[in-house]
């Protein structure tokens, strides 16, 4: 009965969303009005049940069922309305900021934990859905990484992103201008855009500019946060990026922070609004050993390493803030204009600039660790999706741009792979011919090589493991594709030559 659910929502807000007893009647009357109910229920609420709730799903599902069955809402509009209710039950943005700042006086982690817990309890971070994601670690001899089959976010190809950017270029007037704009705070949502009424943002000062901190509703890893710039401006990696990253970890040393590259193909899916991603999680690249140290004389308090990783990653290590910034900036500036035809690297041509960097940063004690992944987004006739992007033979597993999260070793794979894995197992178990496979499962056309490989030593008992191992190897191949300097003699010579050309020596 919806009347009882209203009472339960009010108690939920008191237990989990900082509502006070003095707010009880006010909240209840608001919910009655919004749900078109004339009077409240006198039924008692199981307070212990409400207190133990980690998420509001059970209550919200009852609300949405009522909206659809009794008020003729579509399922989509019911989702929007449910977010509106949770936004109302959540403390005002100013109250959340005030409490965050008070907790931060005790410790940065106390404040970050508060915002994260609030974002889960008010259903902005959809933890129940996130927990359904399939997650596993690879098992190579070295350089292991992580894989997640994401069930909460749709797949986007480079062509999808290009279409979106083309629309942006037409300067369509939308409010808010994109999903990362500060103006999303309290936004109801519409047919194409998610609701943001239950989002809460914390103001930040990064490189003397206003930014905001929030948690990602998709949560690729624990406490996955986003720092977004207050102004709607295109992604750009420059010296200000490094200053901003250091400002962030100086304030929140328990989190890492990083930025997608600022060019299509090698960047993220949102290139028209400057933002960073970070969180508590230590991504795989941050656990790798160093292969080589480049001795510096210009930066006497810093170290520069080549990292033992699949793509071309440099590590700047320094306790000196200014040196960490300036050393990273020198590498970036040199890379922007660097050409190496032997390794297919062209920095710019008639199609624009192609060299950029995917940077990320963590702080341990007083030491900064800046990871700089060299990127190039050039395309050619052989690789129209990107020379240093996932090559076509891997697109059945991953065709989206390889952004910061994947480049650092956490692959976010599309949900369709769950269904397609079951279809592949059916094909193998019943020994279907290629013609029968394509007739029964047309979208397995790109998986034929995978099916033929798995068929060679098929076993019903081991097929799940072998599918996973195949996916592991594909992701490894994709990371190797993204390396501008391959792990070959030619690639190693090329990287050393590039480093020698940077102004790092007096």
Protein backbone atom coordinates (compact mmCIF):
# COMPACT_ATOMS: atom_id res chain seq x y z
CA UNK A 1 0.00 0.00 0.00
CA UNK A 2 1.50 3.30 -1.14
CA UNK A 3 0.37 5.14 2.03
CA UNK A 4 2.60 2.89 4.12
CA UNK A 5 5.47 3.35 1.69
CA UNK A 6 5.21 7.10 2.25
CA UNK A 7 5.68 6.57 5.98
CA UNK A 8 8.62 4.26 5.27
CA UNK A 9 10.26 6.84 2.99
CA UNK A 10 10.01 9.48 5.71
CA UNK A 11 11.62 7.13 8.24
CA UNK A 12 14.28 6.23 5.65
CA UNK A 13 15.09 9.93 5.26
CA UNK A 14 15.42 10.27 9.05
CA UNK A 15 17.74 7.28 9.36
CA UNK A 16 19.86 7.77 6.25
CA UNK A 17 19.47 11.26 4.78
CA UNK A 18 19.86 13.51 7.82
CA UNK A 19 16.17 14.41 8.06
CA UNK A 20 15.09 15.52 11.56
CA UNK A 21 11.97 14.59 13.51
CA UNK A 22 10.81 18.19 13.06
CA UNK A 23 10.82 17.55 9.27
CA UNK A 24 8.55 14.49 9.48
CA UNK A 25 5.12 16.03 8.86
CA UNK A 26 6.49 18.37 6.20
CA UNK A 27 8.09 15.51 4.27
CA UNK A 28 5.04 13.31 4.63
CA UNK A 29 2.67 15.98 3.33
CA UNK A 30 4.95 16.67 0.38
CA UNK A 31 4.94 12.99 -0.56
CA UNK A 32 1.18 12.74 -0.15
CA UNK A 33 0.69 15.66 -2.49
CA UNK A 34 3.15 14.44 -5.11
CA UNK A 35 1.62 10.95 -5.13
CA UNK A 36 -2.00 12.23 -5.14
CA UNK A 37 -2.88 10.62 -1.82
CA UNK A 38 -5.50 12.34 0.35
CA UNK A 39 -4.49 11.14 3.79
CA UNK A 40 -1.62 9.22 5.43
CA UNK A 41 -1.59 5.67 6.69
CA UNK A 42 -1.76 4.84 10.39
CA UNK A 43 0.19 1.60 9.87
CA UNK A 44 3.30 1.24 11.97
CA UNK A 45 6.66 1.14 10.20
CA UNK A 46 9.20 -1.61 10.84
CA UNK A 47 11.96 0.74 11.97
CA UNK A 48 14.59 -1.99 12.26
CA UNK A 49 14.02 -2.97 8.63
CA UNK A 50 14.34 0.64 7.50
CA UNK A 51 17.44 1.19 9.61
CA UNK A 52 19.20 -1.81 8.03
CA UNK A 53 18.51 -0.69 4.47
CA UNK A 54 21.70 0.05 2.55
CA UNK A 55 19.83 1.35 -0.52
CA UNK A 56 16.28 2.66 -1.09
CA UNK A 57 15.49 0.26 -3.96
CA UNK A 58 12.70 -1.65 -2.24
CA UNK A 59 10.80 1.54 -1.42
CA UNK A 60 11.44 3.21 -4.77
CA UNK A 61 10.30 0.13 -6.68
CA UNK A 62 6.97 0.27 -4.85
CA UNK A 63 6.66 3.97 -5.64
CA UNK A 64 7.40 3.37 -9.34
CA UNK A 65 4.97 0.46 -9.54
CA UNK A 66 2.28 2.71 -8.06
CA UNK A 67 3.06 5.52 -10.51
CA UNK A 68 2.76 3.16 -13.48
CA UNK A 69 -0.30 1.21 -12.33
CA UNK A 70 -2.33 3.98 -10.64
CA UNK A 71 -1.19 7.27 -12.18
CA UNK A 72 -0.50 6.03 -15.74
CA UNK A 73 3.18 7.00 -15.75
CA UNK A 74 5.49 5.44 -18.30
CA UNK A 75 8.37 3.49 -16.77
CA UNK A 76 10.79 6.22 -17.87
CA UNK A 77 8.72 8.99 -16.31
CA UNK A 78 8.37 6.93 -13.14
CA UNK A 79 12.18 6.76 -12.93
CA UNK A 80 12.39 10.55 -13.33
CA UNK A 81 9.77 11.08 -10.66
CA UNK A 82 11.46 8.70 -8.23
CA UNK A 83 14.69 10.70 -8.59
CA UNK A 84 12.69 13.86 -7.86
CA UNK A 85 11.35 12.37 -4.62
CA UNK A 86 14.83 11.28 -3.50
CA UNK A 87 16.20 14.71 -4.35
CA UNK A 88 13.58 16.29 -2.12
CA UNK A 89 14.37 13.90 0.76
CA UNK A 90 18.11 14.64 0.45
CA UNK A 91 19.52 17.63 2.36
CA UNK A 92 19.79 20.86 0.37
CA UNK A 93 23.06 21.36 -1.57
CA UNK A 94 24.16 24.06 0.90
CA UNK A 95 23.55 21.72 3.85
CA UNK A 96 25.57 18.92 2.25
CA UNK A 97 28.45 21.32 1.56
CA UNK A 98 28.36 22.60 5.14
CA UNK A 99 28.50 19.09 6.60
CA UNK A 100 31.21 18.01 4.15
CA UNK A 101 33.37 20.97 5.15
CA UNK A 102 32.87 20.27 8.86
CA UNK A 103 33.87 16.63 8.43
CA UNK A 104 36.87 17.61 6.33
CA UNK A 105 38.26 19.47 9.34
CA UNK A 106 38.54 16.03 10.97
CA UNK A 107 39.89 14.27 7.88
CA UNK A 108 39.48 14.40 4.13
CA UNK A 109 38.41 10.75 4.17
CA UNK A 110 35.58 11.35 6.64
CA UNK A 111 34.18 13.99 4.30
CA UNK A 112 34.59 11.84 1.18
CA UNK A 113 32.94 8.87 2.92
CA UNK A 114 29.99 11.06 3.94
CA UNK A 115 29.32 12.25 0.39
CA UNK A 116 29.71 8.73 -1.01
CA UNK A 117 27.34 7.18 1.52
CA UNK A 118 24.80 9.94 0.91
CA UNK A 119 25.04 9.40 -2.86
CA UNK A 120 24.28 5.70 -2.40
CA UNK A 121 21.52 6.20 0.15
CA UNK A 122 19.71 8.74 -2.05
CA UNK A 123 20.13 6.46 -5.08
CA UNK A 124 22.27 8.81 -7.17
CA UNK A 125 24.97 6.11 -7.16
CA UNK A 126 22.88 3.09 -8.18
CA UNK A 127 24.81 0.58 -6.09
CA UNK A 128 22.41 -2.31 -6.62
CA UNK A 129 22.87 -2.06 -10.37
CA UNK A 130 26.63 -1.52 -10.09
CA UNK A 131 26.98 -4.61 -7.90
CA UNK A 132 25.58 -6.70 -10.77
CA UNK A 133 28.62 -5.90 -12.92
CA UNK A 134 30.88 -8.86 -13.62
CA UNK A 135 34.41 -8.17 -12.38
CA UNK A 136 37.56 -10.28 -12.54
CA UNK A 137 41.36 -10.04 -12.61
CA UNK A 138 43.53 -11.42 -15.39
CA UNK A 139 46.17 -14.05 -14.68
CA UNK A 140 49.15 -13.28 -16.89
CA UNK A 141 52.67 -13.91 -15.60
CA UNK A 142 53.13 -10.18 -15.14
CA UNK A 143 51.28 -6.92 -15.83
CA UNK A 144 47.87 -8.12 -14.74
CA UNK A 145 44.86 -5.88 -15.15
CA UNK A 146 41.15 -5.87 -14.30
CA UNK A 147 38.03 -6.43 -16.40
CA UNK A 148 34.43 -5.43 -15.70
CA UNK A 149 31.42 -6.23 -17.84
CA UNK A 150 29.34 -3.14 -17.22
CA UNK A 151 25.60 -3.66 -16.93
CA UNK A 152 24.66 -0.08 -16.08
CA UNK A 153 25.90 2.04 -19.01
CA UNK A 154 25.34 1.73 -22.79
CA UNK A 155 28.21 1.13 -25.20
CA UNK A 156 29.42 4.00 -27.40
CA UNK A 157 31.65 3.62 -30.44
CA UNK A 158 34.05 6.26 -31.76
CA UNK A 159 31.47 6.94 -34.49
CA UNK A 160 28.76 7.52 -31.87
CA UNK A 161 31.01 10.02 -30.11
CA UNK A 162 31.82 11.72 -33.43
CA UNK A 163 28.10 12.12 -34.15
CA UNK A 164 27.61 13.67 -30.74
CA UNK A 165 30.48 16.08 -31.29
CA UNK A 166 29.02 17.03 -34.68
CA UNK A 167 25.80 17.99 -32.93
CA UNK A 168 27.77 20.00 -30.41
CA UNK A 169 29.48 21.86 -33.25
CA UNK A 170 26.05 22.95 -34.47
CA UNK A 171 25.77 24.82 -31.15
CA UNK A 172 22.39 23.46 -30.22
CA UNK A 173 21.10 25.43 -27.29
CA UNK A 174 20.37 23.01 -24.50
CA UNK A 175 20.00 23.46 -20.79
CA UNK A 176 22.08 22.11 -19.21
CA UNK A 177 24.60 22.10 -22.05
CA UNK A 178 25.91 18.63 -21.17
CA UNK A 179 25.68 15.93 -18.51
CA UNK A 180 28.65 17.39 -16.60
CA UNK A 181 27.52 20.99 -16.30
CA UNK A 182 26.99 22.38 -12.80
CA UNK A 183 23.50 23.39 -13.92
CA UNK A 184 22.48 19.72 -13.70
CA UNK A 185 22.12 20.23 -9.95
CA UNK A 186 18.40 19.53 -9.43
CA UNK A 187 17.69 18.91 -13.15
CA UNK A 188 14.54 16.82 -13.62
CA UNK A 189 15.70 14.99 -16.73
CA UNK A 190 13.86 14.28 -19.97
CA UNK A 191 13.48 11.62 -22.66
CA UNK A 192 17.20 11.58 -23.48
CA UNK A 193 18.87 12.88 -20.32
CA UNK A 194 19.10 11.28 -16.90
CA UNK A 195 17.61 12.98 -13.84
CA UNK A 196 19.98 14.83 -11.52
CA UNK A 197 17.63 15.98 -8.77
CA UNK A 198 19.39 13.81 -6.19
CA UNK A 199 22.95 14.80 -7.13
CA UNK A 200 25.01 16.78 -4.63
CA UNK A 201 28.22 18.62 -5.53
CA UNK A 202 31.10 19.93 -3.43
CA UNK A 203 32.90 23.09 -4.62
CA UNK A 204 36.64 22.83 -5.28
CA UNK A 205 39.36 25.35 -6.11
CA UNK A 206 41.79 23.84 -8.62
CA UNK A 207 44.43 26.11 -10.15
CA UNK A 208 42.45 29.17 -9.02
CA UNK A 209 39.34 28.01 -10.87
CA UNK A 210 36.01 26.75 -9.55
CA UNK A 211 35.39 23.04 -9.93
CA UNK A 212 32.93 20.63 -8.30
CA UNK A 213 33.25 17.14 -6.88
CA UNK A 214 30.62 14.44 -7.31
CA UNK A 215 30.50 10.64 -7.46
CA UNK A 216 29.88 8.79 -10.70
CA UNK A 217 26.42 7.20 -10.96
CA UNK A 218 28.03 4.31 -12.90
CA UNK A 219 30.83 3.58 -10.43
CA UNK A 220 33.50 1.77 -12.42
CA UNK A 221 35.46 1.22 -9.19
CA UNK A 222 35.16 1.94 -5.48
CA UNK A 223 34.31 5.58 -4.73
CA UNK A 224 34.60 6.53 -8.41
CA UNK A 225 34.44 10.31 -8.36
CA UNK A 226 34.30 13.06 -10.97
CA UNK A 227 35.74 16.56 -10.68
CA UNK A 228 34.07 18.87 -13.17
CA UNK A 229 34.92 22.42 -14.13
CA UNK A 230 32.25 25.04 -13.46
CA UNK A 231 32.49 26.40 -17.00
CA UNK A 232 31.40 24.43 -20.05
CA UNK A 233 34.71 24.30 -21.92
CA UNK A 234 36.45 21.65 -24.01
CA UNK A 235 38.90 19.17 -22.55
CA UNK A 236 42.48 20.42 -22.79
CA UNK A 237 45.66 18.89 -21.38
CA UNK A 238 48.22 21.58 -20.51
CA UNK A 239 50.21 22.86 -17.54
CA UNK A 240 47.00 23.88 -15.78
CA UNK A 241 45.94 20.23 -15.85
CA UNK A 242 48.97 19.17 -13.84
CA UNK A 243 48.53 22.02 -11.36
CA UNK A 244 44.87 21.08 -10.90
CA UNK A 245 45.68 17.40 -10.39
CA UNK A 246 48.20 18.28 -7.68
CA UNK A 247 45.76 20.68 -6.04
CA UNK A 248 43.25 17.84 -5.88
CA UNK A 249 45.53 15.25 -4.25
CA UNK A 250 46.90 17.85 -1.86
CA UNK A 251 43.35 18.31 -0.59
CA UNK A 252 42.29 14.65 -0.92
CA UNK A 253 45.44 12.52 -0.57
CA UNK A 254 43.41 9.33 -0.09
CA UNK A 255 42.20 9.49 -3.71
CA UNK A 256 43.98 9.29 -7.06
CA UNK A 257 42.88 11.67 -9.82
CA UNK A 258 43.40 11.73 -13.56
CA UNK A 259 42.16 13.11 -16.86
CA UNK A 260 41.07 11.63 -20.13
CA UNK A 261 43.08 12.82 -23.09
CA UNK A 262 41.71 15.84 -24.92
CA UNK A 263 41.36 14.37 -28.42
CA UNK A 264 38.74 12.06 -29.99
CA UNK A 265 39.46 8.31 -30.14
CA UNK A 266 42.07 8.46 -27.34
CA UNK A 267 39.86 10.57 -25.07
CA UNK A 268 36.65 9.83 -23.22
CA UNK A 269 33.05 10.01 -24.40
CA UNK A 270 32.60 13.61 -23.16
CA UNK A 271 35.18 15.93 -24.71
CA UNK A 272 33.22 19.17 -24.54
CA UNK A 273 33.42 19.63 -20.76
CA UNK A 274 36.68 19.58 -18.84
CA UNK A 275 36.61 17.01 -16.06
CA UNK A 276 38.74 14.52 -14.14
CA UNK A 277 38.07 11.03 -12.78
CA UNK A 278 39.43 9.51 -9.61
CA UNK A 279 38.67 7.60 -6.46
CA UNK A 280 40.01 5.26 -3.84
CA UNK A 281 40.87 2.42 -6.21
CA UNK A 282 44.48 1.77 -7.19
CA UNK A 283 44.36 1.09 -10.91
CA UNK A 284 46.63 -1.67 -12.30
CA UNK A 285 49.17 0.63 -13.97
CA UNK A 286 49.91 2.08 -10.52
CA UNK A 287 51.02 -1.34 -9.31
CA UNK A 288 53.56 -1.98 -12.07
CA UNK A 289 57.32 -1.98 -11.69
CA UNK A 290 59.65 0.38 -13.50
CA UNK A 291 61.79 -0.80 -16.42
CA UNK A 292 64.22 2.04 -16.83
CA UNK A 293 65.20 5.28 -15.11
CA UNK A 294 66.13 8.32 -17.15
CA UNK A 295 68.75 10.23 -15.18
CA UNK A 296 67.87 13.91 -14.90
CA UNK A 297 70.08 16.89 -14.18
CA UNK A 298 67.59 19.72 -14.67
CA UNK A 299 65.15 18.32 -12.13
CA UNK A 300 67.40 17.25 -9.27
CA UNK A 301 64.60 16.40 -6.84
CA UNK A 302 62.62 14.24 -9.25
CA UNK A 303 62.87 10.92 -11.04
CA UNK A 304 61.58 9.82 -14.44
CA UNK A 305 60.93 6.19 -15.31
CA UNK A 306 59.68 4.08 -18.17
CA UNK A 307 56.98 1.88 -16.69
CA UNK A 308 56.60 -1.85 -17.34
CA UNK A 309 53.19 -1.56 -18.96
CA UNK A 310 51.47 -2.51 -22.21
CA UNK A 311 51.16 1.03 -23.54
CA UNK A 312 53.76 3.82 -23.48
CA UNK A 313 53.64 5.07 -19.91
CA UNK A 314 56.15 7.32 -18.15
CA UNK A 315 56.25 7.85 -14.39
CA UNK A 316 57.32 11.12 -12.76
CA UNK A 317 58.18 10.69 -9.08
CA UNK A 318 58.85 13.73 -6.93
CA UNK A 319 58.38 15.27 -3.50
CA UNK A 320 58.82 18.69 -5.09
CA UNK A 321 55.47 20.05 -6.24
CA UNK A 322 56.86 22.56 -8.75
CA UNK A 323 59.22 20.02 -10.28
CA UNK A 324 56.43 17.46 -10.67
CA UNK A 325 54.37 20.05 -12.55
CA UNK A 326 57.17 21.46 -14.70
CA UNK A 327 58.70 18.09 -15.59
CA UNK A 328 55.30 16.74 -16.67
CA UNK A 329 54.66 19.90 -18.67
CA UNK A 330 58.02 19.67 -20.47
CA UNK A 331 57.24 16.09 -21.51
CA UNK A 332 53.77 17.12 -22.71
CA UNK A 333 55.03 20.08 -24.74
CA UNK A 334 57.71 17.98 -26.41
CA UNK A 335 55.27 15.19 -27.17
CA UNK A 336 52.72 17.57 -28.71
CA UNK A 337 55.10 18.32 -31.59
CA UNK A 338 57.04 15.03 -31.78
CA UNK A 339 57.18 13.02 -35.01
CA UNK A 340 58.58 9.53 -35.48
CA UNK A 341 57.66 8.10 -38.88
CA UNK A 342 59.32 4.76 -38.14
CA UNK A 343 56.78 4.25 -35.35
CA UNK A 344 53.85 5.77 -37.33
CA UNK A 345 53.78 8.85 -35.10
CA UNK A 346 52.79 12.12 -36.76
CA UNK A 347 52.03 14.95 -34.37
CA UNK A 348 49.83 17.02 -36.67
CA UNK A 349 48.58 17.25 -40.25
CA UNK A 350 45.71 18.79 -42.20
CA UNK A 351 43.28 16.97 -39.90
CA UNK A 352 44.67 18.68 -36.78
CA UNK A 353 46.91 17.73 -33.88
CA UNK A 354 47.28 14.08 -32.92
CA UNK A 355 49.67 13.80 -29.97
CA UNK A 356 48.41 14.15 -26.41
CA UNK A 357 48.77 12.59 -22.99
CA UNK A 358 46.49 10.74 -20.56
CA UNK A 359 47.74 11.86 -17.12
CA UNK A 360 46.89 10.54 -13.67
CA UNK A 361 48.26 11.21 -10.21
CA UNK A 362 48.41 9.70 -6.76
CA UNK A 363 50.14 10.94 -3.62
CA UNK A 364 51.76 8.68 -1.06
CA UNK A 365 53.02 10.52 1.98
CA UNK A 366 54.85 13.53 0.56
CA UNK A 367 55.63 11.93 -2.80
CA UNK A 368 53.72 12.64 -6.02
CA UNK A 369 53.46 9.87 -8.62
CA UNK A 370 52.41 11.27 -12.00
CA UNK A 371 51.61 8.71 -14.70
CA UNK A 372 51.87 10.04 -18.25
CA UNK A 373 50.53 7.77 -21.00
CA UNK A 374 51.61 8.96 -24.45
CA UNK A 375 48.71 8.93 -26.93
CA UNK A 376 48.18 9.53 -30.65
CA UNK A 377 44.76 9.55 -32.36
CA UNK A 378 45.80 9.41 -36.02
CA UNK A 379 43.80 7.25 -38.44
CA UNK A 380 44.66 5.86 -41.88
CA UNK A 381 43.09 3.65 -44.52
CA UNK A 382 44.15 0.45 -42.77
CA UNK A 383 42.95 1.63 -39.34
CA UNK A 384 40.04 4.04 -39.88
CA UNK A 385 39.05 3.78 -36.19
CA UNK A 386 42.57 4.69 -35.05
CA UNK A 387 46.10 3.42 -35.58
CA UNK A 388 46.66 3.37 -31.82
CA UNK A 389 43.13 2.31 -30.98
CA UNK A 390 41.64 -1.18 -30.63
CA UNK A 391 42.09 -2.78 -34.03
CA UNK A 392 39.12 -4.18 -35.93
CA UNK A 393 39.70 -7.80 -34.94
CA UNK A 394 39.06 -6.78 -31.31
CA UNK A 395 35.94 -4.66 -31.84
CA UNK A 396 33.58 -7.49 -31.00
CA UNK A 397 34.86 -7.19 -27.42
CA UNK A 398 35.61 -3.47 -27.17
CA UNK A 399 35.16 -0.77 -29.80
CA UNK A 400 34.76 2.31 -27.61
CA UNK A 401 37.58 4.80 -27.19
CA UNK A 402 40.25 3.64 -24.74
CA UNK A 403 40.03 6.37 -22.13
CA UNK A 404 41.84 6.85 -18.86
CA UNK A 405 40.26 3.91 -17.03
CA UNK A 406 41.09 1.32 -19.70
CA UNK A 407 44.50 2.82 -20.50
CA UNK A 408 45.39 2.41 -16.83
CA UNK A 409 44.27 -1.23 -16.81
CA UNK A 410 40.57 -1.47 -15.90
CA UNK A 411 38.56 -2.55 -18.94
CA UNK A 412 34.89 -1.57 -18.98
CA UNK A 413 33.23 -3.99 -21.40
CA UNK A 414 29.67 -3.79 -22.78
CA UNK A 415 26.76 -5.68 -21.22
CA UNK A 416 25.98 -7.41 -24.54
CA UNK A 417 28.93 -9.74 -23.86
CA UNK A 418 26.90 -11.57 -21.22
CA UNK A 419 24.27 -12.55 -23.79
CA UNK A 420 26.84 -13.19 -26.53
CA UNK A 421 28.88 -15.49 -24.25
CA UNK A 422 25.78 -17.64 -23.70
CA UNK A 423 25.16 -17.70 -27.44
CA UNK A 424 28.77 -18.74 -28.12
CA UNK A 425 28.45 -21.58 -25.60
CA UNK A 426 25.26 -22.74 -27.35
CA UNK A 427 27.05 -22.74 -30.72
CA UNK A 428 29.91 -24.81 -29.33
CA UNK A 429 27.80 -27.22 -27.33
CA UNK A 430 25.63 -28.01 -30.36
CA UNK A 431 28.54 -27.87 -32.82
CA UNK A 432 26.71 -25.45 -35.10
CA UNK A 433 28.14 -24.74 -38.52
CA UNK A 434 29.07 -21.20 -39.49
CA UNK A 435 25.92 -20.82 -41.61
CA UNK A 436 23.70 -22.01 -38.77
CA UNK A 437 25.46 -19.72 -36.31
CA UNK A 438 24.91 -16.67 -38.47
CA UNK A 439 21.29 -17.61 -39.10
CA UNK A 440 20.53 -18.14 -35.41
CA UNK A 441 22.76 -15.40 -33.99
CA UNK A 442 23.45 -12.76 -36.69
CA UNK A 443 25.44 -10.48 -34.38
CA UNK A 444 28.01 -13.23 -33.77
CA UNK A 445 29.48 -12.61 -37.23
CA UNK A 446 32.47 -10.80 -35.73
CA UNK A 447 32.98 -13.63 -33.22
CA UNK A 448 33.65 -16.39 -35.76
CA UNK A 449 37.41 -16.36 -35.20
CA UNK A 450 36.82 -16.61 -31.46
CA UNK A 451 34.33 -19.48 -31.91
CA UNK A 452 36.72 -21.41 -34.16
CA UNK A 453 39.55 -20.99 -31.65
CA UNK A 454 37.41 -22.16 -28.73
CA UNK A 455 36.10 -25.10 -30.74
CA UNK A 456 39.58 -26.65 -31.08
CA UNK A 457 39.60 -27.99 -27.52
CA UNK A 458 36.00 -27.43 -26.45
CA UNK A 459 34.93 -28.80 -23.08
CA UNK A 460 31.62 -28.00 -21.42
CA UNK A 461 33.33 -28.00 -18.02
CA UNK A 462 36.00 -25.43 -18.97
CA UNK A 463 34.28 -23.27 -21.57
CA UNK A 464 33.41 -20.42 -19.18
CA UNK A 465 37.04 -20.13 -18.12
CA UNK A 466 38.25 -20.28 -21.73
CA UNK A 467 35.85 -17.54 -22.84
CA UNK A 468 37.15 -15.37 -20.03
CA UNK A 469 40.78 -16.12 -20.97
CA UNK A 470 40.02 -15.24 -24.59
CA UNK A 471 38.56 -11.91 -23.48
CA UNK A 472 41.64 -11.34 -21.30
CA UNK A 473 43.93 -11.79 -24.29
CA UNK A 474 41.82 -9.50 -26.46
CA UNK A 475 42.05 -6.74 -23.84
CA UNK A 476 45.79 -7.27 -23.61
CA UNK A 477 45.98 -6.92 -27.39
CA UNK A 478 43.98 -3.69 -27.24
CA UNK A 479 46.33 -2.18 -24.68
CA UNK A 480 49.25 -3.13 -26.91
CA UNK A 481 47.46 -1.50 -29.86
CA UNK A 482 47.32 1.78 -27.92
CA UNK A 483 51.08 1.85 -27.37
CA UNK A 484 52.66 4.55 -29.52
CA UNK A 485 56.04 2.94 -28.89
CA UNK A 486 55.58 -0.83 -29.05
CA UNK A 487 57.46 -3.19 -26.77
CA UNK A 488 59.90 -4.00 -29.56
CA UNK A 489 63.47 -2.97 -30.29
CA UNK A 490 62.22 -0.29 -32.68
CA UNK A 491 59.67 0.96 -30.16
CA UNK A 492 62.15 1.05 -27.27
CA UNK A 493 64.69 2.95 -29.36
CA UNK A 494 61.92 5.37 -30.38
CA UNK A 495 60.89 6.10 -26.79
CA UNK A 496 64.49 6.65 -25.70
CA UNK A 497 65.00 8.99 -28.63
CA UNK A 498 61.91 10.96 -27.66
CA UNK A 499 63.03 11.31 -24.04
CA UNK A 500 66.49 12.47 -25.11
CA UNK A 501 64.85 15.26 -27.10
CA UNK A 502 62.99 16.64 -24.07
CA UNK A 503 64.69 19.51 -22.27
CA UNK A 504 65.44 17.54 -19.07
CA UNK A 505 69.15 18.08 -18.82
CA UNK A 506 71.13 21.21 -17.93
